[in-house]
Amino acid sequence: MFKKLRKMICLVRCDTSDRTTVAQWNRTGMTPIGFDADAAALAMNLKRIARLRSWLSDPALKKLVPLIRKLPIAPKLHAQVTEQLQSPNASIQTS
C-alpha cells in the first residue's frame, strides 16, 4: 500500500507568495500551487514532479541528495526579470 502512496502526487492550493506557507507544505511532501493556477500551470507542475521523481530514482542521486545541507538562493533580480519575461504586459522600462 505504501508503494502506491509514494506514487501519488499531492497538490495544495495556497498563497505561493507566502514563503512560510510554501515551506510548511513542502515539508509535508505536498506541492503548493497558487490560487490563480490554470490548467497549463497544473500540467507544468505535474510534469516537473514526474521529472524530479525520475531523476531521484537514480541511485547515485539518492545518495547525494541527503548530503546537501543548503542550496544557494536565487537573487531577487532574477525573480523580477523572470516575472517580467512571463508577463504579457512586460516592458523594458519597468524598474
PDB file of N, CA and C in Angstrom:
ATOM      1  N   MET A   1       0.813  -1.194   0.000  1.00  0.00           N
ATOM      2  CA  MET A   1       0.000   0.000   0.000  1.00  0.00           C
ATOM      3  C   MET A   1       0.861   1.265   0.000  1.00  0.00           C
ATOM      4  N   PHE A   2       1.941   1.282   0.787  1.00  0.00           N
ATOM      5  CA  PHE A   2       2.773   2.480   0.870  1.00  0.00           C
ATOM      6  C   PHE A   2       3.471   2.776  -0.447  1.00  0.00           C
ATOM      7  N   LYS A   3       3.781   1.740  -1.241  1.00  0.00           N
ATOM      8  CA  LYS A   3       4.392   1.988  -2.547  1.00  0.00           C
ATOM      9  C   LYS A   3       3.435   2.781  -3.422  1.00  0.00           C
ATOM     10  N   LYS A   4       2.157   2.471  -3.354  1.00  0.00           N
ATOM     11  CA  LYS A   4       1.168   3.212  -4.129  1.00  0.00           C
ATOM     12  C   LYS A   4       1.086   4.652  -3.655  1.00  0.00           C
ATOM     13  N   LEU A   5       1.171   4.879  -2.352  1.00  0.00           N
ATOM     14  CA  LEU A   5       1.092   6.233  -1.822  1.00  0.00           C
ATOM     15  C   LEU A   5       2.268   7.069  -2.278  1.00  0.00           C
ATOM     16  N   ARG A   6       3.434   6.467  -2.406  1.00  0.00           N
ATOM     17  CA  ARG A   6       4.606   7.222  -2.852  1.00  0.00           C
ATOM     18  C   ARG A   6       4.470   7.683  -4.305  1.00  0.00           C
ATOM     19  N   LYS A   7       3.642   6.992  -5.072  1.00  0.00           N
ATOM     20  CA  LYS A   7       3.433   7.365  -6.460  1.00  0.00           C
ATOM     21  C   LYS A   7       2.384   8.469  -6.591  1.00  0.00           C
ATOM     22  N   MET A   8       1.638   8.704  -5.543  1.00  0.00           N
ATOM     23  CA  MET A   8       0.594   9.707  -5.582  1.00  0.00           C
ATOM     24  C   MET A   8       1.208  11.106  -5.511  1.00  0.00           C
ATOM     25  N   ILE A   9       0.640  12.026  -6.262  1.00  0.00           N
ATOM     26  CA  ILE A   9       1.087  13.415  -6.244  1.00  0.00           C
ATOM     27  C   ILE A   9       0.036  14.225  -5.501  1.00  0.00           C
ATOM     28  N   CYS A  10       0.473  14.956  -4.482  1.00  0.00           N
ATOM     29  CA  CYS A  10      -0.442  15.780  -3.693  1.00  0.00           C
ATOM     30  C   CYS A  10      -0.146  17.252  -3.947  1.00  0.00           C
ATOM     31  N   LEU A  11      -1.150  17.963  -4.427  1.00  0.00           N
ATOM     32  CA  LEU A  11      -1.035  19.401  -4.667  1.00  0.00           C
ATOM     33  C   LEU A  11      -1.943  20.117  -3.682  1.00  0.00           C
ATOM     34  N   VAL A  12      -1.515  21.290  -3.257  1.00  0.00           N
ATOM     35  CA  VAL A  12      -2.349  22.094  -2.362  1.00  0.00           C
ATOM     36  C   VAL A  12      -2.362  23.522  -2.903  1.00  0.00           C
ATOM     37  N   ARG A  13      -3.551  24.087  -2.998  1.00  0.00           N
ATOM     38  CA  ARG A  13      -3.674  25.476  -3.452  1.00  0.00           C
ATOM     39  C   ARG A  13      -3.477  26.386  -2.258  1.00  0.00           C
ATOM     40  N   CYS A  14      -2.573  27.348  -2.418  1.00  0.00           N
ATOM     41  CA  CYS A  14      -2.281  28.268  -1.329  1.00  0.00           C
ATOM     42  C   CYS A  14      -1.678  29.551  -1.885  1.00  0.00           C
ATOM     43  N   ASP A  15      -1.420  30.483  -1.005  1.00  0.00           N
ATOM     44  CA  ASP A  15      -0.771  31.739  -1.379  1.00  0.00           C
ATOM     45  C   ASP A  15       0.715  31.457  -1.538  1.00  0.00           C
ATOM     46  N   THR A  16       1.162  31.301  -2.773  1.00  0.00           N
ATOM     47  CA  THR A  16       2.554  30.924  -3.009  1.00  0.00           C
ATOM     48  C   THR A  16       3.530  32.084  -2.812  1.00  0.00           C
ATOM     49  N   SER A  17       3.001  33.278  -2.590  1.00  0.00           N
ATOM     50  CA  SER A  17       3.908  34.398  -2.292  1.00  0.00           C
ATOM     51  C   SER A  17       4.311  34.400  -0.818  1.00  0.00           C
ATOM     52  N   ASP A  18       3.639  33.596  -0.008  1.00  0.00           N
ATOM     53  CA  ASP A  18       3.957  33.479   1.415  1.00  0.00           C
ATOM     54  C   ASP A  18       4.961  32.337   1.586  1.00  0.00           C
ATOM     55  N   ARG A  19       6.229  32.697   1.744  1.00  0.00           N
ATOM     56  CA  ARG A  19       7.293  31.692   1.801  1.00  0.00           C
ATOM     57  C   ARG A  19       7.141  30.726   2.973  1.00  0.00           C
ATOM     58  N   THR A  20       6.623  31.206   4.078  1.00  0.00           N
ATOM     59  CA  THR A  20       6.444  30.348   5.247  1.00  0.00           C
ATOM     60  C   THR A  20       5.429  29.253   4.949  1.00  0.00           C
ATOM     61  N   THR A  21       4.323  29.635   4.330  1.00  0.00           N
ATOM     62  CA  THR A  21       3.286  28.667   3.983  1.00  0.00           C
ATOM     63  C   THR A  21       3.817  27.648   2.982  1.00  0.00           C
ATOM     64  N   VAL A  22       4.520  28.128   1.973  1.00  0.00           N
ATOM     65  CA  VAL A  22       5.083  27.229   0.958  1.00  0.00           C
ATOM     66  C   VAL A  22       6.045  26.243   1.613  1.00  0.00           C
ATOM     67  N   ALA A  23       6.894  26.726   2.495  1.00  0.00           N
ATOM     68  CA  ALA A  23       7.860  25.856   3.183  1.00  0.00           C
ATOM     69  C   ALA A  23       7.149  24.803   4.027  1.00  0.00           C
ATOM     70  N   GLN A  24       6.076  25.205   4.702  1.00  0.00           N
ATOM     71  CA  GLN A  24       5.318  24.251   5.523  1.00  0.00           C
ATOM     72  C   GLN A  24       4.723  23.141   4.664  1.00  0.00           C
ATOM     73  N   TRP A  25       4.129  23.510   3.534  1.00  0.00           N
ATOM     74  CA  TRP A  25       3.542  22.492   2.657  1.00  0.00           C
ATOM     75  C   TRP A  25       4.622  21.618   2.048  1.00  0.00           C
ATOM     76  N   ASN A  26       5.738  22.191   1.674  1.00  0.00           N
ATOM     77  CA  ASN A  26       6.826  21.397   1.096  1.00  0.00           C
ATOM     78  C   ASN A  26       7.339  20.356   2.081  1.00  0.00           C
ATOM     79  N   ARG A  27       7.425  20.739   3.361  1.00  0.00           N
ATOM     80  CA  ARG A  27       7.909  19.793   4.376  1.00  0.00           C
ATOM     81  C   ARG A  27       6.986  18.593   4.511  1.00  0.00           C
ATOM     82  N   THR A  28       5.706  18.748   4.210  1.00  0.00           N
ATOM     83  CA  THR A  28       4.763  17.637   4.330  1.00  0.00           C
ATOM     84  C   THR A  28       4.742  16.751   3.093  1.00  0.00           C
ATOM     85  N   GLY A  29       5.510  17.156   2.060  1.00  0.00           N
ATOM     86  CA  GLY A  29       5.555  16.372   0.839  1.00  0.00           C
ATOM     87  C   GLY A  29       4.517  16.797  -0.182  1.00  0.00           C
ATOM     88  N   MET A  30       3.794  17.844   0.130  1.00  0.00           N
ATOM     89  CA  MET A  30       2.790  18.344  -0.814  1.00  0.00           C
ATOM     90  C   MET A  30       3.416  19.437  -1.675  1.00  0.00           C
ATOM     91  N   THR A  31       2.872  19.610  -2.859  1.00  0.00           N
ATOM     92  CA  THR A  31       3.363  20.629  -3.775  1.00  0.00           C
ATOM     93  C   THR A  31       2.394  21.800  -3.775  1.00  0.00           C
ATOM     94  N   PRO A  32       2.833  22.955  -3.286  1.00  0.00           N
ATOM     95  CA  PRO A  32       1.946  24.123  -3.284  1.00  0.00           C
ATOM     96  C   PRO A  32       1.821  24.730  -4.677  1.00  0.00           C
ATOM     97  N   ILE A  33       0.605  25.083  -5.047  1.00  0.00           N
ATOM     98  CA  ILE A  33       0.364  25.807  -6.291  1.00  0.00           C
ATOM     99  C   ILE A  33      -0.508  27.012  -5.959  1.00  0.00           C
ATOM    100  N   GLY A  34      -0.362  28.050  -6.726  1.00  0.00           N
ATOM    101  CA  GLY A  34      -1.081  29.293  -6.462  1.00  0.00           C
ATOM    102  C   GLY A  34      -2.579  29.177  -6.705  1.00  0.00           C
ATOM    103  N   PHE A  35      -3.315  30.037  -6.034  1.00  0.00           N
ATOM    104  CA  PHE A  35      -4.762  30.070  -6.200  1.00  0.00           C
ATOM    105  C   PHE A  35      -5.145  30.394  -7.641  1.00  0.00           C
ATOM    106  N   ASP A  36      -4.286  31.139  -8.321  1.00  0.00           N
ATOM    107  CA  ASP A  36      -4.591  31.566  -9.679  1.00  0.00           C
ATOM    108  C   ASP A  36      -4.068  30.601 -10.741  1.00  0.00           C
ATOM    109  N   ALA A  37      -3.592  29.427 -10.337  1.00  0.00           N
ATOM    110  CA  ALA A  37      -3.028  28.466 -11.284  1.00  0.00           C
ATOM    111  C   ALA A  37      -4.114  27.947 -12.225  1.00  0.00           C
ATOM    112  N   ASP A  38      -3.804  27.982 -13.518  1.00  0.00           N
ATOM    113  CA  ASP A  38      -4.742  27.476 -14.513  1.00  0.00           C
ATOM    114  C   ASP A  38      -4.336  26.053 -14.917  1.00  0.00           C
ATOM    115  N   ALA A  39      -5.008  25.495 -15.909  1.00  0.00           N
ATOM    116  CA  ALA A  39      -4.729  24.124 -16.345  1.00  0.00           C
ATOM    117  C   ALA A  39      -3.296  23.973 -16.836  1.00  0.00           C
ATOM    118  N   ALA A  40      -2.777  24.986 -17.533  1.00  0.00           N
ATOM    119  CA  ALA A  40      -1.398  24.913 -18.028  1.00  0.00           C
ATOM    120  C   ALA A  40      -0.403  24.865 -16.870  1.00  0.00           C
ATOM    121  N   ALA A  41      -0.641  25.670 -15.837  1.00  0.00           N
ATOM    122  CA  ALA A  41       0.243  25.670 -14.665  1.00  0.00           C
ATOM    123  C   ALA A  41       0.161  24.337 -13.931  1.00  0.00           C
ATOM    124  N   LEU A  42      -1.028  23.785 -13.842  1.00  0.00           N
ATOM    125  CA  LEU A  42      -1.199  22.485 -13.195  1.00  0.00           C
ATOM    126  C   LEU A  42      -0.428  21.414 -13.969  1.00  0.00           C
ATOM    127  N   ALA A  43      -0.570  21.413 -15.295  1.00  0.00           N
ATOM    128  CA  ALA A  43       0.144  20.438 -16.123  1.00  0.00           C
ATOM    129  C   ALA A  43       1.655  20.599 -15.980  1.00  0.00           C
ATOM    130  N   MET A  44       2.129  21.848 -15.950  1.00  0.00           N
ATOM    131  CA  MET A  44       3.557  22.117 -15.793  1.00  0.00           C
ATOM    132  C   MET A  44       4.069  21.559 -14.458  1.00  0.00           C
ATOM    133  N   ASN A  45       3.301  21.767 -13.385  1.00  0.00           N
ATOM    134  CA  ASN A  45       3.697  21.253 -12.071  1.00  0.00           C
ATOM    135  C   ASN A  45       3.744  19.731 -12.060  1.00  0.00           C
ATOM    136  N   LEU A  46       2.769  19.094 -12.673  1.00  0.00           N
ATOM    137  CA  LEU A  46       2.742  17.631 -12.709  1.00  0.00           C
ATOM    138  C   LEU A  46       3.933  17.086 -13.502  1.00  0.00           C
ATOM    139  N   LYS A  47       4.270  17.735 -14.616  1.00  0.00           N
ATOM    140  CA  LYS A  47       5.431  17.307 -15.406  1.00  0.00           C
ATOM    141  C   LYS A  47       6.721  17.499 -14.621  1.00  0.00           C
ATOM    142  N   ARG A  48       6.826  18.623 -13.893  1.00  0.00           N
ATOM    143  CA  ARG A  48       8.024  18.891 -13.094  1.00  0.00           C
ATOM    144  C   ARG A  48       8.191  17.842 -12.005  1.00  0.00           C
ATOM    145  N   ILE A  49       7.089  17.497 -11.354  1.00  0.00           N
ATOM    146  CA  ILE A  49       7.141  16.482 -10.294  1.00  0.00           C
ATOM    147  C   ILE A  49       7.565  15.134 -10.871  1.00  0.00           C
ATOM    148  N   ALA A  50       6.997  14.757 -12.011  1.00  0.00           N
ATOM    149  CA  ALA A  50       7.360  13.482 -12.648  1.00  0.00           C
ATOM    150  C   ALA A  50       8.835  13.468 -13.025  1.00  0.00           C
ATOM    151  N   ARG A  51       9.336  14.603 -13.543  1.00  0.00           N
ATOM    152  CA  ARG A  51      10.750  14.708 -13.925  1.00  0.00           C
ATOM    153  C   ARG A  51      11.656  14.569 -12.703  1.00  0.00           C
ATOM    154  N   LEU A  52      11.296  15.247 -11.611  1.00  0.00           N
ATOM    155  CA  LEU A  52      12.091  15.149 -10.382  1.00  0.00           C
ATOM    156  C   LEU A  52      12.102  13.729  -9.844  1.00  0.00           C
ATOM    157  N   ARG A  53      10.955  13.084  -9.868  1.00  0.00           N
ATOM    158  CA  ARG A  53      10.899  11.695  -9.392  1.00  0.00           C
ATOM    159  C   ARG A  53      11.768  10.792 -10.241  1.00  0.00           C
ATOM    160  N   SER A  54      11.776  11.043 -11.530  1.00  0.00           N
ATOM    161  CA  SER A  54      12.616  10.244 -12.432  1.00  0.00           C
ATOM    162  C   SER A  54      14.089  10.442 -12.095  1.00  0.00           C
ATOM    163  N   TRP A  55      14.494  11.695 -11.922  1.00  0.00           N
ATOM    164  CA  TRP A  55      15.887  11.983 -11.572  1.00  0.00           C
ATOM    165  C   TRP A  55      16.262  11.355 -10.242  1.00  0.00           C
ATOM    166  N   LEU A  56      15.366  11.452  -9.282  1.00  0.00           N
ATOM    167  CA  LEU A  56      15.686  10.956  -7.944  1.00  0.00           C
ATOM    168  C   LEU A  56      15.614   9.436  -7.835  1.00  0.00           C
ATOM    169  N   SER A  57      15.198   8.775  -8.901  1.00  0.00           N
ATOM    170  CA  SER A  57      15.220   7.311  -8.875  1.00  0.00           C
ATOM    171  C   SER A  57      16.624   6.786  -9.169  1.00  0.00           C
ATOM    172  N   ASP A  58      17.517   7.664  -9.603  1.00  0.00           N
ATOM    173  CA  ASP A  58      18.911   7.312  -9.867  1.00  0.00           C
ATOM    174  C   ASP A  58      19.602   7.040  -8.523  1.00  0.00           C
ATOM    175  N   PRO A  59      20.180   5.847  -8.340  1.00  0.00           N
ATOM    176  CA  PRO A  59      20.824   5.502  -7.065  1.00  0.00           C
ATOM    177  C   PRO A  59      21.914   6.487  -6.624  1.00  0.00           C
ATOM    178  N   ALA A  60      22.687   7.014  -7.578  1.00  0.00           N
ATOM    179  CA  ALA A  60      23.749   7.961  -7.221  1.00  0.00           C
ATOM    180  C   ALA A  60      23.156   9.235  -6.637  1.00  0.00           C
ATOM    181  N   LEU A  61      22.062   9.722  -7.224  1.00  0.00           N
ATOM    182  CA  LEU A  61      21.414  10.923  -6.696  1.00  0.00           C
ATOM    183  C   LEU A  61      20.764  10.663  -5.346  1.00  0.00           C
ATOM    184  N   LYS A  62      20.234   9.466  -5.159  1.00  0.00           N
ATOM    185  CA  LYS A  62      19.639   9.116  -3.866  1.00  0.00           C
ATOM    186  C   LYS A  62      20.664   9.229  -2.740  1.00  0.00           C
ATOM    187  N   LYS A  63      21.913   8.900  -3.043  1.00  0.00           N
ATOM    188  CA  LYS A  63      22.972   9.008  -2.037  1.00  0.00           C
ATOM    189  C   LYS A  63      23.422  10.455  -1.844  1.00  0.00           C
ATOM    190  N   LEU A  64      23.410  11.223  -2.925  1.00  0.00           N
ATOM    191  CA  LEU A  64      23.916  12.593  -2.893  1.00  0.00           C
ATOM    192  C   LEU A  64      22.947  13.581  -2.238  1.00  0.00           C
ATOM    193  N   VAL A  65      21.681  13.484  -2.538  1.00  0.00           N
ATOM    194  CA  VAL A  65      20.700  14.469  -2.064  1.00  0.00           C
ATOM    195  C   VAL A  65      20.690  14.622  -0.534  1.00  0.00           C
ATOM    196  N   PRO A  66      20.728  13.554   0.253  1.00  0.00           N
ATOM    197  CA  PRO A  66      20.722  13.749   1.709  1.00  0.00           C
ATOM    198  C   PRO A  66      21.954  14.483   2.245  1.00  0.00           C
ATOM    199  N   LEU A  67      23.026  14.530   1.468  1.00  0.00           N
ATOM    200  CA  LEU A  67      24.248  15.199   1.905  1.00  0.00           C
ATOM    201  C   LEU A  67      24.199  16.712   1.691  1.00  0.00           C
ATOM    202  N   ILE A  68      23.252  17.176   0.889  1.00  0.00           N
ATOM    203  CA  ILE A  68      23.138  18.607   0.615  1.00  0.00           C
ATOM    204  C   ILE A  68      22.486  19.280   1.815  1.00  0.00           C
ATOM    205  N   ARG A  69      23.169  20.235   2.385  1.00  0.00           N
ATOM    206  CA  ARG A  69      22.665  20.924   3.577  1.00  0.00           C
ATOM    207  C   ARG A  69      21.992  22.250   3.250  1.00  0.00           C
ATOM    208  N   LYS A  70      22.520  22.950   2.249  1.00  0.00           N
ATOM    209  CA  LYS A  70      21.987  24.273   1.952  1.00  0.00           C
ATOM    210  C   LYS A  70      22.167  24.569   0.470  1.00  0.00           C
ATOM    211  N   LEU A  71      21.116  25.084  -0.152  1.00  0.00           N
ATOM    212  CA  LEU A  71      21.193  25.473  -1.551  1.00  0.00           C
ATOM    213  C   LEU A  71      21.273  26.992  -1.647  1.00  0.00           C
ATOM    214  N   PRO A  72      21.956  27.492  -2.658  1.00  0.00           N
ATOM    215  CA  PRO A  72      22.017  28.955  -2.808  1.00  0.00           C
ATOM    216  C   PRO A  72      20.643  29.509  -3.187  1.00  0.00           C
ATOM    217  N   ILE A  73      20.393  30.728  -2.781  1.00  0.00           N
ATOM    218  CA  ILE A  73      19.136  31.404  -3.082  1.00  0.00           C
ATOM    219  C   ILE A  73      19.327  32.224  -4.349  1.00  0.00           C
ATOM    220  N   ALA A  74      18.345  32.133  -5.236  1.00  0.00           N
ATOM    221  CA  ALA A  74      18.414  32.933  -6.473  1.00  0.00           C
ATOM    222  C   ALA A  74      18.296  34.402  -6.104  1.00  0.00           C
ATOM    223  N   PRO A  75      19.070  35.255  -6.762  1.00  0.00           N
ATOM    224  CA  PRO A  75      18.991  36.688  -6.473  1.00  0.00           C
ATOM    225  C   PRO A  75      17.594  37.243  -6.754  1.00  0.00           C
ATOM    226  N   LYS A  76      17.214  38.264  -6.003  1.00  0.00           N
ATOM    227  CA  LYS A  76      15.902  38.884  -6.157  1.00  0.00           C
ATOM    228  C   LYS A  76      15.724  39.417  -7.582  1.00  0.00           C
ATOM    229  N   LEU A  77      16.792  39.930  -8.152  1.00  0.00           N
ATOM    230  CA  LEU A  77      16.730  40.463  -9.511  1.00  0.00           C
ATOM    231  C   LEU A  77      16.328  39.378 -10.510  1.00  0.00           C
ATOM    232  N   HIS A  78      16.833  38.180 -10.301  1.00  0.00           N
ATOM    233  CA  HIS A  78      16.475  37.064 -11.188  1.00  0.00           C
ATOM    234  C   HIS A  78      14.970  36.828 -11.154  1.00  0.00           C
ATOM    235  N   ALA A  79      14.390  36.824  -9.976  1.00  0.00           N
ATOM    236  CA  ALA A  79      12.947  36.618  -9.840  1.00  0.00           C
ATOM    237  C   ALA A  79      12.167  37.740 -10.522  1.00  0.00           C
ATOM    238  N   GLN A  80      12.643  38.974 -10.376  1.00  0.00           N
ATOM    239  CA  GLN A  80      11.955  40.113 -11.001  1.00  0.00           C
ATOM    240  C   GLN A  80      12.026  40.034 -12.520  1.00  0.00           C
ATOM    241  N   VAL A  81      13.187  39.682 -13.055  1.00  0.00           N
ATOM    242  CA  VAL A  81      13.337  39.573 -14.506  1.00  0.00           C
ATOM    243  C   VAL A  81      12.469  38.436 -15.037  1.00  0.00           C
ATOM    244  N   THR A  82      12.482  37.311 -14.354  1.00  0.00           N
ATOM    245  CA  THR A  82      11.671  36.170 -14.770  1.00  0.00           C
ATOM    246  C   THR A  82      10.193  36.537 -14.777  1.00  0.00           C
ATOM    247  N   GLU A  83       9.757  37.238 -13.746  1.00  0.00           N
ATOM    248  CA  GLU A  83       8.357  37.662 -13.665  1.00  0.00           C
ATOM    249  C   GLU A  83       8.001  38.573 -14.840  1.00  0.00           C
ATOM    250  N   GLN A  84       8.883  39.497 -15.175  1.00  0.00           N
ATOM    251  CA  GLN A  84       8.628  40.408 -16.298  1.00  0.00           C
ATOM    252  C   GLN A  84       8.598  39.647 -17.628  1.00  0.00           C
ATOM    253  N   LEU A  85       9.484  38.674 -17.784  1.00  0.00           N
ATOM    254  CA  LEU A  85       9.513  37.901 -19.019  1.00  0.00           C
ATOM    255  C   LEU A  85       8.239  37.089 -19.213  1.00  0.00           C
ATOM    256  N   GLN A  86       7.609  36.690 -18.116  1.00  0.00           N
ATOM    257  CA  GLN A  86       6.381  35.900 -18.200  1.00  0.00           C
ATOM    258  C   GLN A  86       5.132  36.773 -18.282  1.00  0.00           C
ATOM    259  N   SER A  87       5.269  38.030 -18.038  1.00  0.00           N
ATOM    260  CA  SER A  87       4.125  38.936 -18.047  1.00  0.00           C
ATOM    261  C   SER A  87       3.752  39.337 -19.471  1.00  0.00           C
ATOM    262  N   PRO A  88       2.441  39.322 -19.783  1.00  0.00           N
ATOM    263  CA  PRO A  88       2.019  39.758 -21.120  1.00  0.00           C
ATOM    264  C   PRO A  88       2.204  41.264 -21.310  1.00  0.00           C
ATOM    265  N   ASN A  89       2.326  42.018 -20.204  1.00  0.00           N
ATOM    266  CA  ASN A  89       2.488  43.462 -20.255  1.00  0.00           C
ATOM    267  C   ASN A  89       3.918  43.900 -19.925  1.00  0.00           C
ATOM    268  N   ALA A  90       4.875  43.020 -20.140  1.00  0.00           N
ATOM    269  CA  ALA A  90       6.272  43.323 -19.792  1.00  0.00           C
ATOM    270  C   ALA A  90       6.780  44.519 -20.576  1.00  0.00           C
ATOM    271  N   SER A  91       7.665  45.243 -19.938  1.00  0.00           N
ATOM    272  CA  SER A  91       8.245  46.423 -20.577  1.00  0.00           C
ATOM    273  C   SER A  91       9.712  46.545 -20.171  1.00  0.00           C
ATOM    274  N   ILE A  92      10.515  47.005 -21.081  1.00  0.00           N
ATOM    275  CA  ILE A  92      11.928  47.233 -20.814  1.00  0.00           C
ATOM    276  C   ILE A  92      12.076  48.403 -19.834  1.00  0.00           C
ATOM    277  N   GLN A  93      11.052  49.234 -19.738  1.00  0.00           N
ATOM    278  CA  GLN A  93      11.073  50.413 -18.890  1.00  0.00           C
ATOM    279  C   GLN A  93      10.762  50.095 -17.421  1.00  0.00           C
ATOM    280  N   THR A  94      10.344  48.879 -17.121  1.00  0.00           N
ATOM    281  CA  THR A  94       9.998  48.523 -15.750  1.00  0.00           C
ATOM    282  C   THR A  94      11.207  48.647 -14.852  1.00  0.00           C
ATOM    283  N   SER A  95      11.001  49.282 -13.701  1.00  0.00           N
ATOM    284  CA  SER A  95      12.136  49.449 -12.778  1.00  0.00           C
ATOM    285  C   SER A  95      12.108  48.393 -11.701  1.00  0.00           C
TER     286      SER A  95
END
